[in-house]
């Protein structure tokens, strides 16, 4: 705030006493430590220089990039470029300097209070109240519900907009209606509210990535809104947007203590906590170690490198699903779901599908388990479900681990050895024979195996006569000496064909 607002605030406050004309083309943002009075030899870009026009023209090049207040400037001269404000009417030099110093003292006092509030982690309400008081405005944050998340205006004060005279539902529908002003919800800069209150009301939308969250309303009861105030309102809005994301939307998480969140993260990562200690922590949220739990891993490709967005995603999950605890672990978001405290657990899947579509996310979902100490295992299940789900069904929104257990088993069994090293030796004998004589004995054995070693079913599947199939089967036995009555042989053959890559099976078919 100090870096971006100093020069504009100084010009705005000075304009209340003197007729001030900010020059076009100046760039706000210089951090001003103090005022450099006329006659000072040092030229420093961290200071605001008060110069008469004659002093400035003598060394104009030396002040390039400095913040300057020019007084006694002739009305006919061209406006210089840079961080410059000008007074065209003659003023008393001492009076101007005294007033400038008092403005700086006021600003520094306000900034120190704001900085102290930030260091002491005071509530954002106090910080916004400081901003509103200094700007002589009222601030309100309207979210998508029938209430204000924050408002400085009090009922007993001047209320030119009739906020407290209008039913909350009507006011929120008016201030937050995407149907009436859809284009206004796409902007990310300070602007007058479309067609309302004759310029008394300005707004700034809060976004996270491309998602609209809420809007800040700047209300000026005295009816004055200079261009300088619009710039300052933009600065305040950018500052308030960060506060909103990190504090207001975090209120839902305040019910879960840091100790609770740390314990959940520790369990997800395979840590150990003594059962009596853990139960005492869980009691704060009415959880129990013997409740039924499930873990979800949430994935949104565009958010993986944005910690702010991941934090807000966690907050959004807990707002939508009160039975869940969402945690950001490095670049991943895990959600611990307590099924036992849900009133209608059967509705979870449908609500989750809507949430994932609205937030363009994918979710891997673990099995359910009646033991909170198995969260680490459930987290692995959710991660594997997401991995195999994205590989096999990228168009779906969620993937349950139970649907991908076979893929996991195949990957686990072939992690050390390739499938060909684990298959029954007879398959390789038949494969060599097929390549040499252009036969299809491997495919015949595969179909016979999948049809539970039924010759009739296998012949129908291959669209050949049963006698033809039996002839092939005898040839297989001649080459391999396979005994299809042996249970271990049957299991090994089934496992061998299961481990074969899907592409190979299609090609063989």
Protein backbone atom coordinates (compact mmCIF):
# COMPACT_ATOMS: atom_id res chain seq x y z
CA UNK A 1 0.00 0.00 0.00
CA UNK A 2 2.77 2.44 0.90
CA UNK A 3 4.58 1.80 -2.37
CA UNK A 4 1.57 2.36 -4.61
CA UNK A 5 -0.49 5.06 -2.90
CA UNK A 6 1.84 7.68 -1.44
CA UNK A 7 2.00 10.14 -4.31
CA UNK A 8 -1.68 9.88 -5.20
CA UNK A 9 -2.79 10.33 -1.59
CA UNK A 10 -0.55 13.35 -1.23
CA UNK A 11 -2.02 14.93 -4.38
CA UNK A 12 -5.56 14.12 -3.33
CA UNK A 13 -5.18 15.63 0.13
CA UNK A 14 -3.38 18.69 -1.19
CA UNK A 15 -6.19 19.23 -3.68
CA UNK A 16 -8.59 19.80 -0.78
CA UNK A 17 -6.75 23.04 0.03
CA UNK A 18 -5.16 24.12 -3.25
CA UNK A 19 -6.19 23.94 -6.87
CA UNK A 20 -3.98 21.05 -7.88
CA UNK A 21 -3.48 19.75 -11.43
CA UNK A 22 -1.70 16.35 -11.70
CA UNK A 23 0.24 16.29 -14.96
CA UNK A 24 -0.66 13.72 -17.54
CA UNK A 25 1.66 10.79 -17.98
CA UNK A 26 2.96 10.53 -14.44
CA UNK A 27 3.33 7.05 -13.00
CA UNK A 28 2.16 6.54 -9.44
CA UNK A 29 4.03 4.10 -7.28
CA UNK A 30 7.08 5.94 -5.97
CA UNK A 31 7.76 5.16 -2.31
CA UNK A 32 8.17 8.56 -0.67
CA UNK A 33 10.10 8.73 2.57
CA UNK A 34 9.63 12.44 3.22
CA UNK A 35 9.48 15.89 1.64
CA UNK A 36 12.53 17.54 0.16
CA UNK A 37 12.03 21.29 0.67
CA UNK A 38 13.17 24.00 -1.77
CA UNK A 39 16.87 24.69 -1.59
CA UNK A 40 17.94 21.16 -0.71
CA UNK A 41 20.91 20.09 -2.75
CA UNK A 42 20.34 16.34 -2.72
CA UNK A 43 18.09 14.86 -5.40
CA UNK A 44 16.63 11.56 -4.27
CA UNK A 45 13.91 9.56 -5.99
CA UNK A 46 12.60 8.36 -2.62
CA UNK A 47 11.57 11.89 -1.67
CA UNK A 48 8.85 14.25 -2.81
CA UNK A 49 10.49 17.44 -4.09
CA UNK A 50 8.66 20.75 -3.59
CA UNK A 51 10.03 23.09 -6.26
CA UNK A 52 9.14 26.45 -7.71
CA UNK A 53 8.91 26.51 -11.49
CA UNK A 54 12.15 28.50 -11.74
CA UNK A 55 14.05 25.96 -9.60
CA UNK A 56 12.70 23.08 -11.69
CA UNK A 57 13.58 24.47 -15.13
CA UNK A 58 17.16 25.10 -14.04
CA UNK A 59 17.77 21.37 -13.47
CA UNK A 60 14.80 19.61 -15.05
CA UNK A 61 16.89 16.70 -16.34
CA UNK A 62 18.17 15.95 -12.84
CA UNK A 63 14.63 15.34 -11.57
CA UNK A 64 13.70 12.67 -14.13
CA UNK A 65 11.81 9.90 -12.32
CA UNK A 66 11.38 11.93 -9.13
CA UNK A 67 8.04 12.80 -7.53
CA UNK A 68 7.63 16.59 -7.76
CA UNK A 69 5.17 19.25 -6.63
CA UNK A 70 5.64 22.41 -8.70
CA UNK A 71 4.33 25.74 -7.42
CA UNK A 72 4.34 29.19 -9.02
CA UNK A 73 4.15 27.54 -12.43
CA UNK A 74 3.09 29.92 -15.25
CA UNK A 75 -0.28 29.02 -16.71
CA UNK A 76 0.98 29.17 -20.30
CA UNK A 77 3.84 26.66 -19.98
CA UNK A 78 3.50 23.07 -21.33
CA UNK A 79 2.76 20.41 -18.74
CA UNK A 80 5.90 18.38 -18.00
CA UNK A 81 5.85 14.59 -17.95
CA UNK A 82 6.62 12.42 -14.93
CA UNK A 83 5.49 12.03 -11.30
CA UNK A 84 4.48 15.67 -11.19
CA UNK A 85 1.65 17.73 -9.71
CA UNK A 86 1.33 21.47 -10.38
CA UNK A 87 -0.18 24.57 -8.74
CA UNK A 88 -0.98 27.32 -11.22
CA UNK A 89 -2.31 29.89 -8.78
CA UNK A 90 0.23 31.83 -6.68
CA UNK A 91 0.46 30.54 -3.13
CA UNK A 92 2.45 31.40 -0.08
CA UNK A 93 5.52 29.16 -0.05
CA UNK A 94 5.61 28.61 3.71
CA UNK A 95 1.89 27.81 3.85
CA UNK A 96 2.28 25.26 1.06
CA UNK A 97 5.23 23.60 2.76
CA UNK A 98 3.48 23.42 6.13
CA UNK A 99 0.40 21.88 4.56
CA UNK A 100 2.48 19.34 2.61
CA UNK A 101 4.33 18.29 5.76
CA UNK A 102 1.05 17.86 7.66
CA UNK A 103 -0.31 15.64 4.86
CA UNK A 104 2.78 13.47 5.02
CA UNK A 105 2.56 13.22 8.79
CA UNK A 106 -1.09 12.17 8.52
CA UNK A 107 -0.31 9.58 5.86
CA UNK A 108 2.63 8.15 7.77
CA UNK A 109 0.51 7.83 10.91
CA UNK A 110 -2.20 6.01 8.97
CA UNK A 111 0.31 3.77 7.24
CA UNK A 112 1.99 2.85 10.50
CA UNK A 113 -1.36 1.80 11.97
CA UNK A 114 -2.03 -0.32 8.91
CA UNK A 115 1.42 -1.86 9.01
CA UNK A 116 1.10 -2.58 12.74
CA UNK A 117 -2.27 -4.25 12.15
CA UNK A 118 -0.73 -6.50 9.52
CA UNK A 119 2.21 -7.44 11.75
CA UNK A 120 -0.07 -8.25 14.68
CA UNK A 121 -2.41 -10.29 12.42
CA UNK A 122 -5.38 -8.18 13.38
CA UNK A 123 -8.72 -8.85 11.74
CA UNK A 124 -9.01 -7.49 8.19
CA UNK A 125 -12.06 -5.52 9.31
CA UNK A 126 -9.79 -3.20 11.29
CA UNK A 127 -7.45 -2.72 8.34
CA UNK A 128 -10.30 -1.93 5.95
CA UNK A 129 -11.81 0.48 8.45
CA UNK A 130 -8.52 2.38 8.50
CA UNK A 131 -8.56 2.58 4.72
CA UNK A 132 -12.17 3.72 4.63
CA UNK A 133 -11.64 6.40 7.27
CA UNK A 134 -8.63 7.86 5.51
CA UNK A 135 -10.45 7.90 2.17
CA UNK A 136 -13.58 9.45 3.73
CA UNK A 137 -15.69 6.72 2.17
CA UNK A 138 -17.66 3.67 3.18
CA UNK A 139 -16.69 0.18 2.11
CA UNK A 140 -18.88 -2.88 1.60
CA UNK A 141 -18.09 -6.34 0.23
CA UNK A 142 -21.04 -8.01 -1.46
CA UNK A 143 -20.78 -11.76 -2.00
CA UNK A 144 -23.21 -14.13 -3.69
CA UNK A 145 -25.59 -14.35 -0.75
CA UNK A 146 -28.17 -12.19 1.03
CA UNK A 147 -25.71 -10.40 3.27
CA UNK A 148 -22.58 -8.30 3.21
CA UNK A 149 -19.35 -10.04 4.12
CA UNK A 150 -18.13 -6.69 5.41
CA UNK A 151 -19.50 -3.14 5.63
CA UNK A 152 -18.26 -0.01 7.38
CA UNK A 153 -21.52 1.93 7.00
CA UNK A 154 -23.60 1.96 10.19
CA UNK A 155 -27.38 2.19 10.44
CA UNK A 156 -27.36 5.44 12.38
CA UNK A 157 -25.05 7.17 9.88
CA UNK A 158 -25.78 8.93 6.62
CA UNK A 159 -27.07 6.24 4.23
CA UNK A 160 -27.56 7.90 0.81
CA UNK A 161 -27.91 4.58 -0.99
CA UNK A 162 -30.66 3.34 1.28
CA UNK A 163 -28.76 0.17 2.11
CA UNK A 164 -30.42 -0.24 5.48
CA UNK A 165 -33.84 0.83 4.18
CA UNK A 166 -33.84 -1.89 1.51
CA UNK A 167 -34.53 -5.55 2.33
CA UNK A 168 -31.26 -7.53 2.23
CA UNK A 169 -32.53 -9.80 -0.54
CA UNK A 170 -33.36 -6.86 -2.80
CA UNK A 171 -30.10 -5.04 -2.08
CA UNK A 172 -27.95 -8.07 -2.77
CA UNK A 173 -29.90 -8.89 -5.91
CA UNK A 174 -29.28 -5.32 -7.08
CA UNK A 175 -25.59 -5.13 -6.22
CA UNK A 176 -24.69 -8.66 -7.23
CA UNK A 177 -26.95 -9.43 -10.19
CA UNK A 178 -25.15 -11.08 -13.07
CA UNK A 179 -28.40 -11.18 -15.04
CA UNK A 180 -28.84 -7.41 -15.05
CA UNK A 181 -25.21 -6.41 -15.56
CA UNK A 182 -23.39 -9.49 -16.94
CA UNK A 183 -20.63 -7.46 -18.60
CA UNK A 184 -19.74 -5.72 -15.34
CA UNK A 185 -18.74 -9.04 -13.82
CA UNK A 186 -15.94 -9.48 -16.35
CA UNK A 187 -13.99 -6.34 -15.42
CA UNK A 188 -11.07 -6.27 -13.02
CA UNK A 189 -10.65 -2.55 -12.41
CA UNK A 190 -12.40 0.17 -10.46
CA UNK A 191 -15.48 1.50 -12.26
CA UNK A 192 -18.75 3.34 -11.51
CA UNK A 193 -21.65 1.01 -10.84
CA UNK A 194 -23.75 0.69 -14.02
CA UNK A 195 -26.58 3.21 -13.92
CA UNK A 196 -26.86 3.43 -10.15
CA UNK A 197 -26.79 6.23 -7.58
CA UNK A 198 -25.49 9.03 -9.84
CA UNK A 199 -21.80 8.26 -9.39
CA UNK A 200 -21.91 7.78 -5.62
CA UNK A 201 -21.12 4.09 -5.92
CA UNK A 202 -18.04 2.47 -7.44
CA UNK A 203 -17.16 -1.21 -7.55
CA UNK A 204 -14.24 -3.58 -8.05
CA UNK A 205 -14.65 -7.30 -8.70
CA UNK A 206 -12.65 -9.87 -6.75
CA UNK A 207 -11.30 -12.75 -8.83
CA UNK A 208 -9.26 -15.85 -8.18
CA UNK A 209 -7.74 -16.87 -11.51
CA UNK A 210 -10.79 -16.35 -13.77
CA UNK A 211 -13.38 -17.09 -11.10
CA UNK A 212 -15.58 -14.27 -9.77
CA UNK A 213 -15.74 -14.26 -5.96
CA UNK A 214 -17.34 -11.03 -4.78
CA UNK A 215 -17.19 -7.28 -5.31
CA UNK A 216 -15.99 -4.34 -3.30
CA UNK A 217 -18.30 -1.33 -3.20
CA UNK A 218 -16.96 2.16 -2.55
CA UNK A 219 -19.67 4.49 -1.24
CA UNK A 220 -19.12 8.25 -1.01
CA UNK A 221 -21.92 9.74 1.10
CA UNK A 222 -20.85 13.34 0.49
CA UNK A 223 -21.39 12.91 -3.24
CA UNK A 224 -17.88 13.92 -4.32
CA UNK A 225 -15.62 11.60 -6.27
CA UNK A 226 -12.52 13.17 -7.77
CA UNK A 227 -10.40 11.33 -10.32
CA UNK A 228 -7.67 10.96 -7.72
CA UNK A 229 -10.08 9.04 -5.50
CA UNK A 230 -10.77 6.61 -8.33
CA UNK A 231 -7.07 5.76 -8.53
CA UNK A 232 -6.87 5.33 -4.78
CA UNK A 233 -10.01 3.21 -4.77
CA UNK A 234 -8.28 0.96 -7.32
CA UNK A 235 -5.30 0.55 -4.96
CA UNK A 236 -7.55 -0.13 -1.98
CA UNK A 237 -9.54 -2.65 -4.00
CA UNK A 238 -6.44 -4.61 -5.00
CA UNK A 239 -5.39 -4.67 -1.36
CA UNK A 240 -8.88 -5.70 -0.16
CA UNK A 241 -9.03 -8.48 -2.76
CA UNK A 242 -6.01 -10.16 -1.18
CA UNK A 243 -7.53 -9.75 2.28
CA UNK A 244 -10.79 -11.27 1.08
CA UNK A 245 -9.16 -14.35 -0.41
CA UNK A 246 -6.93 -15.04 2.58
CA UNK A 247 -9.22 -14.00 5.43
CA UNK A 248 -12.93 -13.68 4.71
CA UNK A 249 -13.19 -16.91 2.76
CA UNK A 250 -11.08 -18.54 5.46
CA UNK A 251 -13.76 -18.09 8.13
CA UNK A 252 -15.19 -21.50 7.39
CA UNK A 253 -11.83 -23.06 8.20
CA UNK A 254 -11.52 -21.29 11.54
CA UNK A 255 -13.73 -23.96 13.09
CA UNK A 256 -10.89 -26.42 12.51
CA UNK A 257 -7.94 -25.60 14.72
CA UNK A 258 -4.38 -25.59 13.46
CA UNK A 259 -3.78 -28.60 15.68
CA UNK A 260 -6.61 -30.44 13.89
CA UNK A 261 -5.30 -29.58 10.42
CA UNK A 262 -1.76 -30.54 11.40
CA UNK A 263 -2.99 -33.89 12.74
CA UNK A 264 -4.89 -34.64 9.52
CA UNK A 265 -1.88 -33.73 7.39
CA UNK A 266 0.35 -35.89 9.57
CA UNK A 267 -1.96 -38.90 9.19
CA UNK A 268 -2.21 -38.42 5.43
CA UNK A 269 1.56 -38.55 5.16
CA UNK A 270 1.83 -41.72 7.23
CA UNK A 271 2.68 -40.16 10.57
CA UNK A 272 1.71 -41.60 13.93
CA UNK A 273 -0.32 -39.97 16.71
CA UNK A 274 -1.22 -41.57 20.04
CA UNK A 275 -4.93 -42.56 19.93
CA UNK A 276 -5.94 -40.67 23.13
CA UNK A 277 -4.22 -37.49 21.89
CA UNK A 278 -5.77 -37.81 18.44
CA UNK A 279 -9.26 -38.37 19.83
CA UNK A 280 -8.95 -35.25 21.96
CA UNK A 281 -8.04 -33.28 18.82
CA UNK A 282 -10.92 -34.83 16.84
CA UNK A 283 -13.43 -33.95 19.55
CA UNK A 284 -13.20 -30.27 18.54
CA UNK A 285 -14.98 -31.15 15.27
CA UNK A 286 -17.11 -34.02 16.60
CA UNK A 287 -15.00 -36.57 14.73
CA UNK A 288 -14.08 -40.02 16.03
CA UNK A 289 -11.27 -42.41 15.25
CA UNK A 290 -13.83 -45.16 14.51
CA UNK A 291 -15.87 -43.14 12.01
CA UNK A 292 -15.97 -44.16 8.36
CA UNK A 293 -13.50 -42.15 6.27
CA UNK A 294 -12.70 -41.63 2.62
CA UNK A 295 -9.94 -39.61 0.93
CA UNK A 296 -10.18 -37.67 -2.33
CA UNK A 297 -7.34 -36.19 -4.33
CA UNK A 298 -8.46 -33.12 -6.28
CA UNK A 299 -6.64 -32.14 -9.45
CA UNK A 300 -6.90 -28.94 -11.47
CA UNK A 301 -4.09 -28.63 -13.97
CA UNK A 302 -4.08 -24.82 -14.07
CA UNK A 303 -3.82 -24.52 -10.28
CA UNK A 304 -0.93 -26.84 -9.54
CA UNK A 305 1.63 -24.01 -9.53
CA UNK A 306 -0.54 -21.38 -7.82
CA UNK A 307 -0.53 -21.79 -4.04
CA UNK A 308 -3.16 -19.06 -3.56
CA UNK A 309 -5.58 -20.84 -5.87
CA UNK A 310 -4.95 -24.17 -4.18
CA UNK A 311 -5.63 -22.63 -0.77
CA UNK A 312 -8.87 -21.14 -2.03
CA UNK A 313 -9.86 -24.48 -3.56
CA UNK A 314 -9.45 -26.05 -0.10
CA UNK A 315 -11.67 -23.37 1.37
CA UNK A 316 -14.30 -23.87 -1.34
CA UNK A 317 -14.33 -27.63 -0.73
CA UNK A 318 -14.99 -27.19 2.97
CA UNK A 319 -17.72 -24.63 2.28
CA UNK A 320 -19.48 -27.04 -0.09
CA UNK A 321 -18.84 -30.17 2.00
CA UNK A 322 -18.90 -29.47 5.77
CA UNK A 323 -18.04 -33.11 6.49
CA UNK A 324 -14.68 -32.72 4.75
CA UNK A 325 -11.27 -31.41 5.71
CA UNK A 326 -9.30 -30.15 2.69
CA UNK A 327 -5.52 -29.83 2.86
CA UNK A 328 -2.89 -28.51 0.46
CA UNK A 329 0.22 -30.67 0.63
CA UNK A 330 2.89 -29.18 -1.64
CA UNK A 331 1.15 -28.91 -5.04
CA UNK A 332 -1.63 -31.39 -4.22
CA UNK A 333 -5.06 -30.99 -2.64
CA UNK A 334 -6.40 -33.87 -0.52
CA UNK A 335 -9.87 -34.00 0.98
CA UNK A 336 -10.62 -36.16 4.04
CA UNK A 337 -14.30 -37.03 4.09
CA UNK A 338 -15.98 -38.13 7.34
CA UNK A 339 -18.91 -40.18 6.07
CA UNK A 340 -20.27 -40.91 9.55
CA UNK A 341 -21.28 -37.30 10.27
CA UNK A 342 -23.14 -36.79 6.97
CA UNK A 343 -26.93 -36.71 7.10
CA UNK A 344 -27.36 -37.95 3.53
CA UNK A 345 -24.14 -39.66 2.39
CA UNK A 346 -25.87 -40.91 -0.75
CA UNK A 347 -26.11 -37.31 -2.05
CA UNK A 348 -22.35 -36.76 -1.90
CA UNK A 349 -21.53 -38.23 -5.31
CA UNK A 350 -24.06 -36.07 -7.15
CA UNK A 351 -23.04 -32.86 -5.36
CA UNK A 352 -19.37 -33.68 -5.93
CA UNK A 353 -19.95 -34.11 -9.67
CA UNK A 354 -21.49 -30.61 -9.87
CA UNK A 355 -18.67 -29.10 -7.81
CA UNK A 356 -15.99 -30.70 -10.00
CA UNK A 357 -17.63 -29.48 -13.21
CA UNK A 358 -18.05 -25.94 -11.91
CA UNK A 359 -14.42 -25.78 -10.79
CA UNK A 360 -13.01 -27.77 -13.75
CA UNK A 361 -11.42 -30.31 -11.43
CA UNK A 362 -10.88 -34.07 -11.43
CA UNK A 363 -11.02 -36.26 -8.33
CA UNK A 364 -9.54 -39.62 -7.39
CA UNK A 365 -11.67 -41.31 -4.72
CA UNK A 366 -10.48 -44.00 -2.30
CA UNK A 367 -12.44 -46.84 -0.73
CA UNK A 368 -14.20 -46.26 2.58
CA UNK A 369 -12.50 -47.39 5.78
CA UNK A 370 -13.55 -47.47 9.42
CA UNK A 371 -10.23 -46.37 10.83
CA UNK A 372 -8.75 -42.90 10.67
CA UNK A 373 -5.26 -44.34 11.14
CA UNK A 374 -5.47 -45.73 7.60
CA UNK A 375 -5.70 -42.27 5.99
CA UNK A 376 -2.27 -42.67 4.44
CA UNK A 377 -3.40 -45.84 2.65
CA UNK A 378 -6.62 -44.12 1.52
CA UNK A 379 -4.59 -41.18 0.20
CA UNK A 380 -2.51 -43.60 -1.89
CA UNK A 381 -5.72 -45.15 -3.21
CA UNK A 382 -7.09 -41.74 -4.19
CA UNK A 383 -3.82 -40.83 -5.90
CA UNK A 384 -3.74 -44.12 -7.84
CA UNK A 385 -7.40 -43.77 -8.80
CA UNK A 386 -6.73 -40.30 -10.20
CA UNK A 387 -3.63 -41.48 -12.06
CA UNK A 388 -5.24 -44.49 -13.74
CA UNK A 389 -8.53 -42.65 -14.27
CA UNK A 390 -6.87 -39.81 -16.17
CA UNK A 391 -5.02 -42.37 -18.30
CA UNK A 392 -8.04 -44.50 -19.17
CA UNK A 393 -11.03 -42.13 -18.97
CA UNK A 394 -9.81 -38.51 -19.24
CA UNK A 395 -13.31 -37.21 -20.04
CA UNK A 396 -14.77 -38.24 -16.66
CA UNK A 397 -14.78 -35.96 -13.61
CA UNK A 398 -14.15 -38.52 -10.86
CA UNK A 399 -12.48 -41.90 -10.57
CA UNK A 400 -13.09 -44.46 -7.81
CA UNK A 401 -10.23 -46.69 -6.77
CA UNK A 402 -12.42 -49.81 -6.90
CA UNK A 403 -12.86 -49.29 -10.66
CA UNK A 404 -9.10 -49.32 -11.27
CA UNK A 405 -7.85 -52.05 -8.94
CA UNK A 406 -7.05 -54.36 -11.85
CA UNK A 407 -4.98 -51.65 -13.55
CA UNK A 408 -3.15 -51.11 -10.28
CA UNK A 409 -2.51 -54.84 -9.86
CA UNK A 410 -1.18 -55.11 -13.39
CA UNK A 411 1.18 -52.17 -12.85
CA UNK A 412 2.31 -53.50 -9.46
CA UNK A 413 3.03 -57.01 -10.79
CA UNK A 414 5.01 -55.70 -13.76
CA UNK A 415 6.90 -53.01 -11.87
CA UNK A 416 10.01 -55.17 -11.55
CA UNK A 417 9.70 -57.61 -14.46
CA UNK A 418 8.12 -57.16 -17.90
CA UNK A 419 4.97 -59.24 -18.55
CA UNK A 420 6.79 -61.63 -20.89
CA UNK A 421 9.05 -62.71 -18.00
CA UNK A 422 6.03 -63.63 -15.86
CA UNK A 423 3.88 -65.44 -18.41
CA UNK A 424 3.52 -69.21 -18.73
CA UNK A 425 6.34 -70.68 -20.83
CA UNK A 426 3.85 -72.40 -23.16
CA UNK A 427 2.65 -69.03 -24.47
CA UNK A 428 6.06 -68.21 -25.88
CA UNK A 429 6.23 -71.65 -27.57
CA UNK A 430 2.91 -70.96 -29.27
CA UNK A 431 3.96 -67.41 -30.17
CA UNK A 432 7.04 -68.73 -32.02
CA UNK A 433 4.87 -71.31 -33.80
CA UNK A 434 2.35 -68.61 -34.86
CA UNK A 435 5.08 -66.42 -36.30
CA UNK A 436 6.65 -69.31 -38.20
CA UNK A 437 3.50 -70.93 -39.61
CA UNK A 438 1.09 -67.97 -39.60
CA UNK A 439 -1.31 -69.66 -37.15
CA UNK A 440 -3.33 -68.17 -34.26
CA UNK A 441 -2.75 -70.63 -31.43
CA UNK A 442 -1.92 -67.91 -28.84
CA UNK A 443 -5.23 -66.21 -29.53
CA UNK A 444 -7.02 -69.57 -29.37
CA UNK A 445 -5.50 -70.27 -25.95
CA UNK A 446 -6.34 -66.75 -24.75
CA UNK A 447 -10.02 -67.04 -25.70
CA UNK A 448 -10.18 -70.54 -24.23
CA UNK A 449 -8.78 -69.19 -20.96
CA UNK A 450 -11.16 -66.19 -20.76
CA UNK A 451 -14.12 -68.47 -21.52
CA UNK A 452 -13.29 -70.47 -18.39
CA UNK A 453 -11.82 -73.32 -20.47
CA UNK A 454 -15.12 -74.05 -22.22
CA UNK A 455 -14.50 -75.24 -25.80
CA UNK A 456 -18.06 -74.47 -26.96
CA UNK A 457 -18.04 -70.92 -25.58
CA UNK A 458 -14.58 -70.27 -26.99
CA UNK A 459 -15.57 -71.57 -30.45
CA UNK A 460 -18.64 -69.31 -30.49
CA UNK A 461 -16.52 -66.32 -29.46
CA UNK A 462 -14.07 -66.96 -32.32
CA UNK A 463 -16.89 -67.67 -34.83
CA UNK A 464 -15.47 -71.07 -35.81
CA UNK A 465 -16.86 -74.59 -35.70
CA UNK A 466 -16.41 -76.50 -32.46
CA UNK A 467 -14.49 -79.29 -34.19
CA UNK A 468 -12.10 -76.73 -35.68
CA UNK A 469 -11.50 -75.29 -32.24
CA UNK A 470 -10.90 -78.74 -30.73
CA UNK A 471 -8.37 -79.45 -33.47
CA UNK A 472 -6.47 -76.27 -32.55
CA UNK A 473 -6.67 -77.20 -28.88
CA UNK A 474 -5.14 -80.63 -29.53
CA UNK A 475 -2.35 -78.96 -31.50
CA UNK A 476 -1.67 -76.64 -28.52
CA UNK A 477 -1.43 -79.60 -26.18
CA UNK A 478 0.90 -81.41 -28.57
CA UNK A 479 3.27 -78.44 -28.62
CA UNK A 480 3.16 -77.53 -24.90
CA UNK A 481 1.94 -80.58 -22.94
CA UNK A 482 -0.50 -78.27 -21.10
CA UNK A 483 -2.84 -79.94 -18.63
CA UNK A 484 -6.00 -77.86 -18.51
CA UNK A 485 -7.32 -79.89 -15.58
CA UNK A 486 -4.54 -78.53 -13.35
CA UNK A 487 -5.84 -75.56 -11.27
CA UNK A 488 -2.41 -73.91 -10.96
CA UNK A 489 -1.98 -74.07 -14.74
CA UNK A 490 -5.37 -72.41 -15.24
CA UNK A 491 -4.54 -69.59 -12.82
CA UNK A 492 -1.12 -69.02 -14.37
CA UNK A 493 -2.57 -68.84 -17.89
CA UNK A 494 -5.28 -66.38 -16.77
CA UNK A 495 -2.68 -64.21 -15.05
CA UNK A 496 -0.38 -64.35 -18.09
CA UNK A 497 -3.04 -63.06 -20.46
CA UNK A 498 -4.17 -60.47 -17.90
CA UNK A 499 -0.66 -58.98 -17.79
CA UNK A 500 -0.37 -58.67 -21.54
CA UNK A 501 -0.69 -55.05 -22.78
CA UNK A 502 -4.13 -54.26 -24.14
CA UNK A 503 -2.65 -53.18 -27.47
CA UNK A 504 -1.13 -56.60 -28.02
CA UNK A 505 -4.46 -58.29 -27.39
CA UNK A 506 -6.18 -56.11 -29.98
CA UNK A 507 -3.50 -56.74 -32.53
CA UNK A 508 -3.68 -60.49 -31.91
CA UNK A 509 -7.44 -60.38 -32.29
